[in-house]
PDB file of N, CA and C in Angstrom:
ATOM      1  N   MET A   1       0.652  -1.077  -0.153  1.00  0.00           N
ATOM      2  CA  MET A   1       0.101   0.264  -0.029  1.00  0.00           C
ATOM      3  C   MET A   1       0.625   1.232   0.192  1.00  0.00           C
ATOM      4  N   THR A   2       2.150   1.458   0.942  1.00  0.00           N
ATOM      5  CA  THR A   2       2.856   2.662   0.941  1.00  0.00           C
ATOM      6  C   THR A   2       3.433   2.573  -0.496  1.00  0.00           C
ATOM      7  N   TYR A   3       4.059   1.340  -1.174  1.00  0.00           N
ATOM      8  CA  TYR A   3       4.458   1.696  -2.130  1.00  0.00           C
ATOM      9  C   TYR A   3       3.572   2.162  -3.368  1.00  0.00           C
ATOM     10  N   SER A   4       1.899   1.556  -3.446  1.00  0.00           N
ATOM     11  CA  SER A   4       1.480   2.655  -4.747  1.00  0.00           C
ATOM     12  C   SER A   4       1.305   3.591  -4.410  1.00  0.00           C
ATOM     13  N   ALA A   5       1.537   3.702  -2.971  1.00  0.00           N
ATOM     14  CA  ALA A   5       0.991   5.236  -2.602  1.00  0.00           C
ATOM     15  C   ALA A   5       1.824   6.648  -3.275  1.00  0.00           C
ATOM     16  N   LEU A   6       3.551   5.664  -2.474  1.00  0.00           N
ATOM     17  CA  LEU A   6       4.572   6.686  -3.098  1.00  0.00           C
ATOM     18  C   LEU A   6       4.509   6.651  -4.652  1.00  0.00           C
ATOM     19  N   ARG A   7       4.279   5.713  -5.304  1.00  0.00           N
ATOM     20  CA  ARG A   7       4.708   5.563  -6.645  1.00  0.00           C
ATOM     21  C   ARG A   7       3.264   6.712  -7.550  1.00  0.00           C
ATOM     22  N   ILE A   8       2.341   6.826  -6.652  1.00  0.00           N
ATOM     23  CA  ILE A   8       0.881   7.926  -7.176  1.00  0.00           C
ATOM     24  C   ILE A   8       1.460   9.185  -6.818  1.00  0.00           C
ATOM     25  N   ALA A   9       2.046   9.300  -5.897  1.00  0.00           N
ATOM     26  CA  ALA A   9       2.702  10.813  -5.294  1.00  0.00           C
ATOM     27  C   ALA A   9       3.712  11.359  -6.402  1.00  0.00           C
ATOM     28  N   LEU A  10       4.500  10.252  -6.515  1.00  0.00           N
ATOM     29  CA  LEU A  10       5.955  10.564  -7.994  1.00  0.00           C
ATOM     30  C   LEU A  10       5.524  10.934  -9.257  1.00  0.00           C
ATOM     31  N   LEU A  11       4.156  10.445  -9.419  1.00  0.00           N
ATOM     32  CA  LEU A  11       3.029  10.348 -10.589  1.00  0.00           C
ATOM     33  C   LEU A  11       2.845  12.290 -11.034  1.00  0.00           C
ATOM     34  N   ALA A  12       2.032  12.190  -9.660  1.00  0.00           N
ATOM     35  CA  ALA A  12       1.368  13.067  -9.562  1.00  0.00           C
ATOM     36  C   ALA A  12       2.490  14.748  -9.649  1.00  0.00           C
ATOM     37  N   ALA A  13       3.682  13.874  -9.073  1.00  0.00           N
ATOM     38  CA  ALA A  13       5.072  15.420  -9.392  1.00  0.00           C
ATOM     39  C   ALA A  13       4.878  15.607 -10.452  1.00  0.00           C
ATOM     40  N   CYS A  14       5.344  14.680 -10.933  1.00  0.00           N
ATOM     41  CA  CYS A  14       6.062  14.837 -12.157  1.00  0.00           C
ATOM     42  C   CYS A  14       4.788  15.269 -13.372  1.00  0.00           C
ATOM     43  N   PHE A  15       4.154  14.505 -13.162  1.00  0.00           N
ATOM     44  CA  PHE A  15       2.186  15.303 -13.960  1.00  0.00           C
ATOM     45  C   PHE A  15       2.990  17.289 -13.793  1.00  0.00           C
ATOM     46  N   GLY A  16       2.744  17.475 -12.249  1.00  0.00           N
ATOM     47  CA  GLY A  16       2.699  18.538 -11.944  1.00  0.00           C
ATOM     48  C   GLY A  16       4.163  19.452 -12.893  1.00  0.00           C
ATOM     49  N   LEU A  17       4.974  19.161 -12.608  1.00  0.00           N
ATOM     50  CA  LEU A  17       6.211  19.437 -12.977  1.00  0.00           C
ATOM     51  C   LEU A  17       6.157  20.087 -14.729  1.00  0.00           C
ATOM     52  N   GLY A  18       5.806  18.425 -15.117  1.00  0.00           N
ATOM     53  CA  GLY A  18       5.491  18.571 -16.807  1.00  0.00           C
ATOM     54  C   GLY A  18       4.793  19.515 -17.287  1.00  0.00           C
ATOM     55  N   TYR A  19       3.598  19.977 -16.362  1.00  0.00           N
ATOM     56  CA  TYR A  19       2.152  21.119 -16.502  1.00  0.00           C
ATOM     57  C   TYR A  19       3.213  22.464 -16.264  1.00  0.00           C
ATOM     58  N   LEU A  20       4.071  22.777 -15.303  1.00  0.00           N
ATOM     59  CA  LEU A  20       4.759  23.779 -15.071  1.00  0.00           C
ATOM     60  C   LEU A  20       5.817  24.561 -16.225  1.00  0.00           C
ATOM     61  N   ALA A  21       6.306  22.891 -16.617  1.00  0.00           N
ATOM     62  CA  ALA A  21       7.506  23.263 -17.517  1.00  0.00           C
ATOM     63  C   ALA A  21       6.727  23.713 -19.266  1.00  0.00           C
ATOM     64  N   GLY A  22       5.323  23.561 -19.286  1.00  0.00           N
ATOM     65  CA  GLY A  22       4.819  24.121 -20.690  1.00  0.00           C
ATOM     66  C   GLY A  22       4.083  22.514 -21.505  1.00  0.00           C
ATOM     67  N   LEU A  23       4.164  21.279 -20.675  1.00  0.00           N
ATOM     68  CA  LEU A  23       3.577  20.568 -21.594  1.00  0.00           C
ATOM     69  C   LEU A  23       1.790  20.449 -20.901  1.00  0.00           C
ATOM     70  N   ARG A  24       1.169  20.943 -22.064  1.00  0.00           N
ATOM     71  CA  ARG A  24      -0.206  20.811 -21.777  1.00  0.00           C
ATOM     72  C   ARG A  24      -0.958  19.589 -23.017  1.00  0.00           C
ATOM     73  N   THR A  25      -0.080  18.842 -23.624  1.00  0.00           N
ATOM     74  CA  THR A  25      -1.343  17.720 -24.872  1.00  0.00           C
ATOM     75  C   THR A  25      -0.944  16.446 -23.982  1.00  0.00           C
ATOM     76  N   TRP A  26      -1.996  15.546 -24.527  1.00  0.00           N
ATOM     77  CA  TRP A  26      -1.242  14.181 -24.058  1.00  0.00           C
ATOM     78  C   TRP A  26      -0.303  13.991 -24.189  1.00  0.00           C
ATOM     79  N   LEU A  27       0.589  14.865 -24.300  1.00  0.00           N
ATOM     80  CA  LEU A  27       2.313  14.163 -24.390  1.00  0.00           C
ATOM     81  C   LEU A  27       2.837  14.349 -22.751  1.00  0.00           C
ATOM     82  N   LEU A  28       2.335  15.485 -22.117  1.00  0.00           N
ATOM     83  CA  LEU A  28       2.098  15.725 -20.462  1.00  0.00           C
ATOM     84  C   LEU A  28       1.746  14.318 -20.130  1.00  0.00           C
ATOM     85  N   LEU A  29       0.974  13.386 -20.091  1.00  0.00           N
ATOM     86  CA  LEU A  29       0.567  12.348 -19.904  1.00  0.00           C
ATOM     87  C   LEU A  29       1.721  11.114 -19.748  1.00  0.00           C
ATOM     88  N   ILE A  30       1.948  11.001 -20.854  1.00  0.00           N
ATOM     89  CA  ILE A  30       3.135   9.920 -21.678  1.00  0.00           C
ATOM     90  C   ILE A  30       4.458  10.411 -21.003  1.00  0.00           C
ATOM     91  N   VAL A  31       5.233  11.720 -21.068  1.00  0.00           N
ATOM     92  CA  VAL A  31       6.625  12.075 -20.247  1.00  0.00           C
ATOM     93  C   VAL A  31       6.312  11.534 -19.010  1.00  0.00           C
ATOM     94  N   ALA A  32       4.992  11.894 -17.951  1.00  0.00           N
ATOM     95  CA  ALA A  32       5.046  12.481 -16.859  1.00  0.00           C
ATOM     96  C   ALA A  32       5.016  10.998 -16.269  1.00  0.00           C
ATOM     97  N   THR A  33       3.959   9.821 -16.882  1.00  0.00           N
ATOM     98  CA  THR A  33       4.557   8.367 -17.049  1.00  0.00           C
ATOM     99  C   THR A  33       6.380   8.058 -16.676  1.00  0.00           C
ATOM    100  N   LEU A  34       6.400   7.959 -18.058  1.00  0.00           N
ATOM    101  CA  LEU A  34       7.871   7.589 -18.123  1.00  0.00           C
ATOM    102  C   LEU A  34       8.717   8.018 -17.089  1.00  0.00           C
ATOM    103  N   VAL A  35       8.459   9.328 -16.889  1.00  0.00           N
ATOM    104  CA  VAL A  35       9.673  10.284 -15.865  1.00  0.00           C
ATOM    105  C   VAL A  35       9.658   9.456 -14.495  1.00  0.00           C
ATOM    106  N   ALA A  36       8.242   9.104 -13.651  1.00  0.00           N
ATOM    107  CA  ALA A  36       7.659   8.791 -12.950  1.00  0.00           C
ATOM    108  C   ALA A  36       8.156   7.188 -12.731  1.00  0.00           C
ATOM    109  N   TRP A  37       8.180   6.767 -14.089  1.00  0.00           N
ATOM    110  CA  TRP A  37       8.269   4.971 -13.501  1.00  0.00           C
ATOM    111  C   TRP A  37       9.581   5.040 -13.472  1.00  0.00           C
ATOM    112  N   GLY A  38      10.420   5.823 -14.975  1.00  0.00           N
ATOM    113  CA  GLY A  38      12.167   5.909 -14.430  1.00  0.00           C
ATOM    114  C   GLY A  38      12.611   6.243 -12.959  1.00  0.00           C
ATOM    115  N   LEU A  39      12.023   7.337 -11.997  1.00  0.00           N
ATOM    116  CA  LEU A  39      12.673   7.222 -10.581  1.00  0.00           C
ATOM    117  C   LEU A  39      11.783   6.111  -9.811  1.00  0.00           C
ATOM    118  N   SER A  40      10.734   5.919 -10.090  1.00  0.00           N
ATOM    119  CA  SER A  40       9.989   5.609  -9.101  1.00  0.00           C
ATOM    120  C   SER A  40      11.807   3.781  -9.082  1.00  0.00           C
ATOM    121  N   TYR A  41      11.841   3.367 -10.210  1.00  0.00           N
ATOM    122  CA  TYR A  41      12.673   2.375 -10.112  1.00  0.00           C
ATOM    123  C   TYR A  41      13.805   2.300  -9.354  1.00  0.00           C
ATOM    124  N   VAL A  42      14.725   3.750  -9.054  1.00  0.00           N
ATOM    125  CA  VAL A  42      15.771   4.134  -8.906  1.00  0.00           C
ATOM    126  C   VAL A  42      14.982   4.830  -7.466  1.00  0.00           C
ATOM    127  N   LEU A  43      14.117   5.740  -7.271  1.00  0.00           N
ATOM    128  CA  LEU A  43      14.337   6.183  -5.698  1.00  0.00           C
ATOM    129  C   LEU A  43      13.365   5.432  -4.881  1.00  0.00           C
ATOM    130  N   LEU A  44      12.613   4.466  -5.400  1.00  0.00           N
ATOM    131  CA  LEU A  44      11.561   3.389  -4.531  1.00  0.00           C
ATOM    132  C   LEU A  44      12.248   2.076  -4.454  1.00  0.00           C
ATOM    133  N   ARG A  45      13.210   1.749  -4.708  1.00  0.00           N
ATOM    134  CA  ARG A  45      14.101   0.176  -4.387  1.00  0.00           C
ATOM    135  C   ARG A  45      13.599  -0.269  -2.911  1.00  0.00           C
ATOM    136  N   GLY A  46      13.698   0.783  -1.683  1.00  0.00           N
ATOM    137  CA  GLY A  46      13.374  -0.146  -0.738  1.00  0.00           C
ATOM    138  C   GLY A  46      12.195  -0.485  -0.355  1.00  0.00           C
ATOM    139  N   PRO A  47      11.278   0.728  -0.933  1.00  0.00           N
ATOM    140  CA  PRO A  47       9.730   0.378  -0.560  1.00  0.00           C
ATOM    141  C   PRO A  47       9.286  -1.003  -1.227  1.00  0.00           C
ATOM    142  N   ARG A  48       9.900  -1.188  -2.831  1.00  0.00           N
ATOM    143  CA  ARG A  48       9.198  -2.138  -3.812  1.00  0.00           C
ATOM    144  C   ARG A  48       9.901  -3.202  -3.232  1.00  0.00           C
ATOM    145  N   ASP A  49      11.403  -3.226  -2.423  1.00  0.00           N
ATOM    146  CA  ASP A  49      11.580  -4.630  -2.109  1.00  0.00           C
ATOM    147  C   ASP A  49      10.867  -4.823  -1.003  1.00  0.00           C
ATOM    148  N   ARG A  50      10.428  -4.275  -0.207  1.00  0.00           N
ATOM    149  CA  ARG A  50       9.558  -5.080   0.715  1.00  0.00           C
ATOM    150  C   ARG A  50       8.256  -5.204   0.409  1.00  0.00           C
ATOM    151  N   ALA A  51       7.890  -4.306  -0.489  1.00  0.00           N
ATOM    152  CA  ALA A  51       6.311  -4.889  -1.123  1.00  0.00           C
ATOM    153  C   ALA A  51       6.469  -6.182  -1.312  1.00  0.00           C
ATOM    154  N   ALA A  52       7.159  -6.635  -2.245  1.00  0.00           N
ATOM    155  CA  ALA A  52       7.672  -7.939  -2.977  1.00  0.00           C
ATOM    156  C   ALA A  52       7.665  -9.366  -1.813  1.00  0.00           C
ATOM    157  N   LEU A  53       8.699  -8.354  -0.605  1.00  0.00           N
ATOM    158  CA  LEU A  53       9.269  -9.727   0.535  1.00  0.00           C
ATOM    159  C   LEU A  53       7.140 -10.145   0.770  1.00  0.00           C
ATOM    160  N   TYR A  54       6.874  -8.809   1.199  1.00  0.00           N
ATOM    161  CA  TYR A  54       5.388  -9.031   1.901  1.00  0.00           C
ATOM    162  C   TYR A  54       4.983  -9.951   0.989  1.00  0.00           C
ATOM    163  N   LEU A  55       4.689  -9.579  -0.500  1.00  0.00           N
ATOM    164  CA  LEU A  55       3.569 -10.449  -1.152  1.00  0.00           C
ATOM    165  C   LEU A  55       4.400 -11.897  -1.470  1.00  0.00           C
ATOM    166  N   ALA A  56       5.446 -12.176  -1.188  1.00  0.00           N
ATOM    167  CA  ALA A  56       5.907 -13.245  -1.465  1.00  0.00           C
ATOM    168  C   ALA A  56       5.701 -14.429  -0.199  1.00  0.00           C
ATOM    169  N   GLU A  57       5.674 -13.466   0.715  1.00  0.00           N
ATOM    170  CA  GLU A  57       5.229 -14.140   2.640  1.00  0.00           C
ATOM    171  C   GLU A  57       4.094 -14.510   2.198  1.00  0.00           C
ATOM    172  N   ARG A  58       3.623 -13.491   1.654  1.00  0.00           N
ATOM    173  CA  ARG A  58       1.995 -13.676   1.973  1.00  0.00           C
ATOM    174  C   ARG A  58       1.496 -15.450   0.644  1.00  0.00           C
ATOM    175  N   ALA A  59       2.116 -14.903  -0.133  1.00  0.00           N
ATOM    176  CA  ALA A  59       1.489 -16.359  -1.231  1.00  0.00           C
ATOM    177  C   ALA A  59       2.317 -17.446  -0.626  1.00  0.00           C
ATOM    178  N   GLU A  60       3.415 -17.459  -0.040  1.00  0.00           N
ATOM    179  CA  GLU A  60       3.744 -18.759   1.013  1.00  0.00           C
ATOM    180  C   GLU A  60       2.845 -19.622   1.622  1.00  0.00           C
ATOM    181  N   ARG A  61       2.345 -17.719   2.799  1.00  0.00           N
ATOM    182  CA  ARG A  61       1.555 -18.773   3.642  1.00  0.00           C
ATOM    183  C   ARG A  61       0.322 -18.972   2.963  1.00  0.00           C
ATOM    184  N   ARG A  62      -0.284 -18.379   2.311  1.00  0.00           N
ATOM    185  CA  ARG A  62      -1.777 -19.062   1.376  1.00  0.00           C
ATOM    186  C   ARG A  62      -1.349 -20.420   1.136  1.00  0.00           C
ATOM    187  N   ALA A  63      -0.166 -20.625   0.078  1.00  0.00           N
ATOM    188  CA  ALA A  63       0.231 -21.947  -0.184  1.00  0.00           C
ATOM    189  C   ALA A  63       0.150 -22.792   0.747  1.00  0.00           C
ATOM    190  N   SER A  64       0.263 -22.344   2.207  1.00  0.00           N
ATOM    191  CA  SER A  64       0.889 -23.732   3.542  1.00  0.00           C
ATOM    192  C   SER A  64      -0.548 -24.025   3.753  1.00  0.00           C
ATOM    193  N   GLY A  65      -1.822 -23.069   3.080  1.00  0.00           N
ATOM    194  CA  GLY A  65      -2.981 -23.717   3.946  1.00  0.00           C
ATOM    195  C   GLY A  65      -3.631 -22.133   5.278  1.00  0.00           C
ATOM    196  N   HIS A  66      -2.894 -21.699   5.717  1.00  0.00           N
ATOM    197  CA  HIS A  66      -2.921 -20.706   6.450  1.00  0.00           C
ATOM    198  C   HIS A  66      -3.420 -19.377   5.317  1.00  0.00           C
ATOM    199  N   ARG A  67      -4.555 -19.182   5.881  1.00  0.00           N
ATOM    200  CA  ARG A  67      -5.395 -18.007   4.911  1.00  0.00           C
ATOM    201  C   ARG A  67      -5.200 -16.579   5.597  1.00  0.00           C
ATOM    202  N   PHE A  68      -4.712 -16.641   7.027  1.00  0.00           N
ATOM    203  CA  PHE A  68      -4.623 -15.377   7.985  1.00  0.00           C
ATOM    204  C   PHE A  68      -3.512 -15.247   8.425  1.00  0.00           C
ATOM    205  N   SER A  69      -3.037 -13.957   8.948  1.00  0.00           N
ATOM    206  CA  SER A  69      -1.823 -13.584   9.653  1.00  0.00           C
ATOM    207  C   SER A  69      -1.958 -14.973  10.955  1.00  0.00           C
ATOM    208  N   ALA A  70      -0.913 -15.221  11.401  1.00  0.00           N
ATOM    209  CA  ALA A  70      -0.783 -15.930  12.928  1.00  0.00           C
ATOM    210  C   ALA A  70      -1.531 -15.409  13.951  1.00  0.00           C
ATOM    211  N   HIS A  71      -1.567 -14.165  14.183  1.00  0.00           N
ATOM    212  CA  HIS A  71      -2.557 -13.310  15.300  1.00  0.00           C
ATOM    213  C   HIS A  71      -3.722 -14.004  15.249  1.00  0.00           C
ATOM    214  N   ALA A  72      -4.552 -13.867  13.752  1.00  0.00           N
ATOM    215  CA  ALA A  72      -5.613 -14.019  13.131  1.00  0.00           C
ATOM    216  C   ALA A  72      -5.793 -15.612  13.429  1.00  0.00           C
ATOM    217  N   GLU A  73      -5.332 -16.528  13.153  1.00  0.00           N
ATOM    218  CA  GLU A  73      -5.719 -17.938  13.184  1.00  0.00           C
ATOM    219  C   GLU A  73      -5.147 -18.258  14.725  1.00  0.00           C
ATOM    220  N   SER A  74      -4.410 -17.461  15.594  1.00  0.00           N
ATOM    221  CA  SER A  74      -4.374 -17.741  16.608  1.00  0.00           C
ATOM    222  C   SER A  74      -5.807 -17.549  17.601  1.00  0.00           C
ATOM    223  N   ASP A  75      -6.111 -16.219  17.638  1.00  0.00           N
ATOM    224  CA  ASP A  75      -7.502 -15.850  17.897  1.00  0.00           C
ATOM    225  C   ASP A  75      -8.830 -16.518  17.237  1.00  0.00           C
ATOM    226  N   ALA A  76      -8.872 -16.164  16.097  1.00  0.00           N
ATOM    227  CA  ALA A  76      -9.715 -17.781  15.747  1.00  0.00           C
ATOM    228  C   ALA A  76     -10.007 -19.117  16.560  1.00  0.00           C
ATOM    229  N   ALA A  77      -8.702 -19.616  16.472  1.00  0.00           N
ATOM    230  CA  ALA A  77      -8.325 -21.023  17.678  1.00  0.00           C
ATOM    231  C   ALA A  77      -9.392 -20.881  18.989  1.00  0.00           C
ATOM    232  N   HIS A  78      -8.627 -19.338  19.439  1.00  0.00           N
ATOM    233  CA  HIS A  78      -9.538 -19.646  21.085  1.00  0.00           C
ATOM    234  C   HIS A  78     -10.481 -19.022  20.721  1.00  0.00           C
ATOM    235  N   GLU A  79     -11.348 -18.469  20.203  1.00  0.00           N
ATOM    236  CA  GLU A  79     -12.536 -18.095  19.976  1.00  0.00           C
ATOM    237  C   GLU A  79     -13.138 -19.293  19.971  1.00  0.00           C
ATOM    238  N   ASP A  80     -12.668 -20.450  18.901  1.00  0.00           N
ATOM    239  CA  ASP A  80     -13.239 -21.967  18.366  1.00  0.00           C
ATOM    240  C   ASP A  80     -14.006 -22.442  20.118  1.00  0.00           C
ATOM    241  N   ALA A  81     -12.431 -22.288  20.645  1.00  0.00           N
ATOM    242  CA  ALA A  81     -12.210 -22.966  22.097  1.00  0.00           C
ATOM    243  C   ALA A  81     -12.656 -22.739  23.497  1.00  0.00           C
ATOM    244  N   VAL A  82     -13.431 -20.980  23.080  1.00  0.00           N
ATOM    245  CA  VAL A  82     -14.419 -20.676  23.610  1.00  0.00           C
ATOM    246  C   VAL A  82     -16.071 -20.965  23.751  1.00  0.00           C
ATOM    247  N   VAL A  83     -15.918 -21.134  22.489  1.00  0.00           N
ATOM    248  CA  VAL A  83     -17.220 -21.923  21.467  1.00  0.00           C
ATOM    249  C   VAL A  83     -17.415 -22.844  21.939  1.00  0.00           C
ATOM    250  N   ASP A  84     -16.864 -23.554  21.982  1.00  0.00           N
ATOM    251  CA  ASP A  84     -16.754 -25.137  21.891  1.00  0.00           C
ATOM    252  C   ASP A  84     -16.772 -25.455  23.414  1.00  0.00           C
ATOM    253  N   GLY A  85     -16.449 -24.822  24.606  1.00  0.00           N
ATOM    254  CA  GLY A  85     -16.397 -24.652  26.560  1.00  0.00           C
ATOM    255  C   GLY A  85     -18.091 -24.410  26.473  1.00  0.00           C
ATOM    256  N   ALA A  86     -18.354 -23.163  25.877  1.00  0.00           N
ATOM    257  CA  ALA A  86     -19.897 -23.044  26.292  1.00  0.00           C
ATOM    258  C   ALA A  86     -20.873 -23.735  25.933  1.00  0.00           C
ATOM    259  N   ALA A  87     -20.261 -24.795  25.202  1.00  0.00           N
ATOM    260  CA  ALA A  87     -21.602 -25.727  24.436  1.00  0.00           C
ATOM    261  C   ALA A  87     -21.654 -26.740  24.906  1.00  0.00           C
ATOM    262  N   GLY A  88     -20.553 -26.951  25.662  1.00  0.00           N
ATOM    263  CA  GLY A  88     -20.626 -27.788  26.765  1.00  0.00           C
ATOM    264  C   GLY A  88     -19.583 -29.022  26.094  1.00  0.00           C
ATOM    265  N   GLY A  89     -18.326 -28.837  24.900  1.00  0.00           N
ATOM    266  CA  GLY A  89     -17.768 -29.316  24.633  1.00  0.00           C
ATOM    267  C   GLY A  89     -17.690 -29.334  22.838  1.00  0.00           C
ATOM    268  N   PRO A  90     -16.513 -30.171  22.437  1.00  0.00           N
ATOM    269  CA  PRO A  90     -16.781 -29.789  20.843  1.00  0.00           C
ATOM    270  C   PRO A  90     -17.534 -30.611  20.140  1.00  0.00           C
ATOM    271  N   THR A  91     -18.078 -30.745  19.305  1.00  0.00           N
ATOM    272  CA  THR A  91     -19.470 -31.164  19.139  1.00  0.00           C
ATOM    273  C   THR A  91     -18.590 -32.238  17.733  1.00  0.00           C
ATOM    274  N   VAL A  92     -19.593 -33.482  17.616  1.00  0.00           N
ATOM    275  CA  VAL A  92     -18.953 -34.547  16.339  1.00  0.00           C
ATOM    276  C   VAL A  92     -19.844 -34.668  15.554  1.00  0.00           C
ATOM    277  N   GLY A  93     -20.079 -34.237  14.467  1.00  0.00           N
ATOM    278  CA  GLY A  93     -20.421 -34.300  13.125  1.00  0.00           C
ATOM    279  C   GLY A  93     -21.821 -33.227  13.127  1.00  0.00           C
ATOM    280  N   GLY A  94     -21.826 -31.948  13.967  1.00  0.00           N
ATOM    281  CA  GLY A  94     -22.859 -31.087  13.914  1.00  0.00           C
ATOM    282  C   GLY A  94     -23.799 -31.985  15.152  1.00  0.00           C
ATOM    283  N   ALA A  95     -23.929 -32.683  16.068  1.00  0.00           N
ATOM    284  CA  ALA A  95     -24.828 -32.944  17.010  1.00  0.00           C
ATOM    285  C   ALA A  95     -23.976 -33.117  18.108  1.00  0.00           C
ATOM    286  N   PRO A  96     -24.184 -32.474  19.535  1.00  0.00           N
ATOM    287  CA  PRO A  96     -23.615 -32.277  20.705  1.00  0.00           C
ATOM    288  C   PRO A  96     -23.563 -33.946  21.302  1.00  0.00           C
ATOM    289  N   GLU A  97     -22.274 -34.108  21.948  1.00  0.00           N
ATOM    290  CA  GLU A  97     -21.637 -35.248  22.362  1.00  0.00           C
ATOM    291  C   GLU A  97     -22.845 -35.595  24.235  1.00  0.00           C
ATOM    292  N   HIS A  98     -22.767 -36.765  24.456  1.00  0.00           N
ATOM    293  CA  HIS A  98     -23.207 -37.470  25.468  1.00  0.00           C
ATOM    294  C   HIS A  98     -24.697 -36.798  25.709  1.00  0.00           C
ATOM    295  N   GLY A  99     -25.458 -36.979  24.520  1.00  0.00           N
ATOM    296  CA  GLY A  99     -27.184 -37.003  24.711  1.00  0.00           C
ATOM    297  C   GLY A  99     -27.038 -35.542  24.919  1.00  0.00           C
ATOM    298  N   THR A 100     -26.848 -34.817  25.124  1.00  0.00           N
ATOM    299  CA  THR A 100     -27.226 -33.476  25.460  1.00  0.00           C
ATOM    300  C   THR A 100     -28.431 -32.737  23.975  1.00  0.00           C
ATOM    301  N   PRO A 101     -29.483 -32.559  25.104  1.00  0.00           N
ATOM    302  CA  PRO A 101     -30.736 -32.021  23.752  1.00  0.00           C
ATOM    303  C   PRO A 101     -30.384 -31.469  22.676  1.00  0.00           C
ATOM    304  N   GLY A 102     -30.702 -31.391  21.649  1.00  0.00           N
ATOM    305  CA  GLY A 102     -30.886 -30.399  20.731  1.00  0.00           C
ATOM    306  C   GLY A 102     -30.311 -30.680  19.206  1.00  0.00           C
ATOM    307  N   ARG A 103     -29.997 -30.481  17.854  1.00  0.00           N
ATOM    308  CA  ARG A 103     -29.763 -30.964  16.725  1.00  0.00           C
ATOM    309  C   ARG A 103     -29.148 -32.479  16.805  1.00  0.00           C
ATOM    310  N   GLY A 104     -29.799 -33.102  16.112  1.00  0.00           N
ATOM    311  CA  GLY A 104     -29.092 -34.550  16.283  1.00  0.00           C
ATOM    312  C   GLY A 104     -29.210 -35.202  17.527  1.00  0.00           C
ATOM    313  N   SER A 105     -30.052 -35.025  18.619  1.00  0.00           N
ATOM    314  CA  SER A 105     -29.724 -35.707  19.936  1.00  0.00           C
ATOM    315  C   SER A 105     -31.110 -37.030  19.896  1.00  0.00           C
ATOM    316  N   THR A 106     -31.308 -37.819  20.491  1.00  0.00           N
ATOM    317  CA  THR A 106     -32.701 -38.628  20.700  1.00  0.00           C
ATOM    318  C   THR A 106     -33.624 -38.430  21.296  1.00  0.00           C
ATOM    319  N   SER A 107     -33.551 -36.886  21.364  1.00  0.00           N
ATOM    320  CA  SER A 107     -34.538 -36.376  22.826  1.00  0.00           C
ATOM    321  C   SER A 107     -35.761 -35.908  21.492  1.00  0.00           C
ATOM    322  N   SER A 108     -37.139 -36.120  22.027  1.00  0.00           N
ATOM    323  CA  SER A 108     -37.857 -36.076  20.914  1.00  0.00           C
ATOM    324  C   SER A 108     -38.433 -34.023  21.680  1.00  0.00           C
ATOM    325  N   SER A 109     -37.944 -33.970  22.775  1.00  0.00           N
ATOM    326  CA  SER A 109     -39.175 -32.960  23.436  1.00  0.00           C
ATOM    327  C   SER A 109     -38.494 -31.604  22.232  1.00  0.00           C
ATOM    328  N   THR A 110     -36.868 -31.437  22.046  1.00  0.00           N
ATOM    329  CA  THR A 110     -36.632 -30.197  21.276  1.00  0.00           C
ATOM    330  C   THR A 110     -36.419 -30.788  19.775  1.00  0.00           C
ATOM    331  N   THR A 111     -36.966 -29.234  18.693  1.00  0.00           N
ATOM    332  CA  THR A 111     -36.637 -29.785  17.467  1.00  0.00           C
ATOM    333  C   THR A 111     -35.503 -28.923  16.747  1.00  0.00           C
ATOM    334  N   GLY A 112     -34.872 -29.137  15.814  1.00  0.00           N
ATOM    335  CA  GLY A 112     -33.518 -28.244  15.409  1.00  0.00           C
ATOM    336  C   GLY A 112     -34.189 -27.867  14.358  1.00  0.00           C
ATOM    337  N   PRO A 113     -33.468 -27.152  13.684  1.00  0.00           N
ATOM    338  CA  PRO A 113     -33.944 -26.670  12.214  1.00  0.00           C
ATOM    339  C   PRO A 113     -33.926 -27.347  10.911  1.00  0.00           C
ATOM    340  N   ASP A 114     -33.048 -28.830  11.500  1.00  0.00           N
ATOM    341  CA  ASP A 114     -33.264 -29.911   9.956  1.00  0.00           C
ATOM    342  C   ASP A 114     -34.361 -30.592  10.650  1.00  0.00           C
ATOM    343  N   ASP A 115     -34.911 -30.593  11.451  1.00  0.00           N
ATOM    344  CA  ASP A 115     -35.876 -31.741  12.293  1.00  0.00           C
ATOM    345  C   ASP A 115     -36.993 -31.358  11.437  1.00  0.00           C
ATOM    346  N   ARG A 116     -37.664 -30.239  10.910  1.00  0.00           N
ATOM    347  CA  ARG A 116     -38.744 -29.774  10.526  1.00  0.00           C
ATOM    348  C   ARG A 116     -39.081 -30.679   8.868  1.00  0.00           C
TER     349      ARG A 116
END
């Protein structure tokens, strides 16, 4: 995000300088784009490398089956544990364990959304 914002700012600066230099036609857009591209290649090496590293790590994390950051994954695991603890334990196949009334139990006094 930072790298993109810096490139857009550099393009805007080149556009402004080109306008002040007297370019007024479609040539202004072409020259500003080419100058900004060249300057960003030279001046924005650090942000570009950090952005490339971030994208490579993100692709590697997604390939390994982790869709979110480690913090988000641990937060989700903690939330799952709390929800499972509040519901009387983990469920197997959508049915509560140990005959607890609810969906999938043998008790006829309760009906779930699948029992209709």
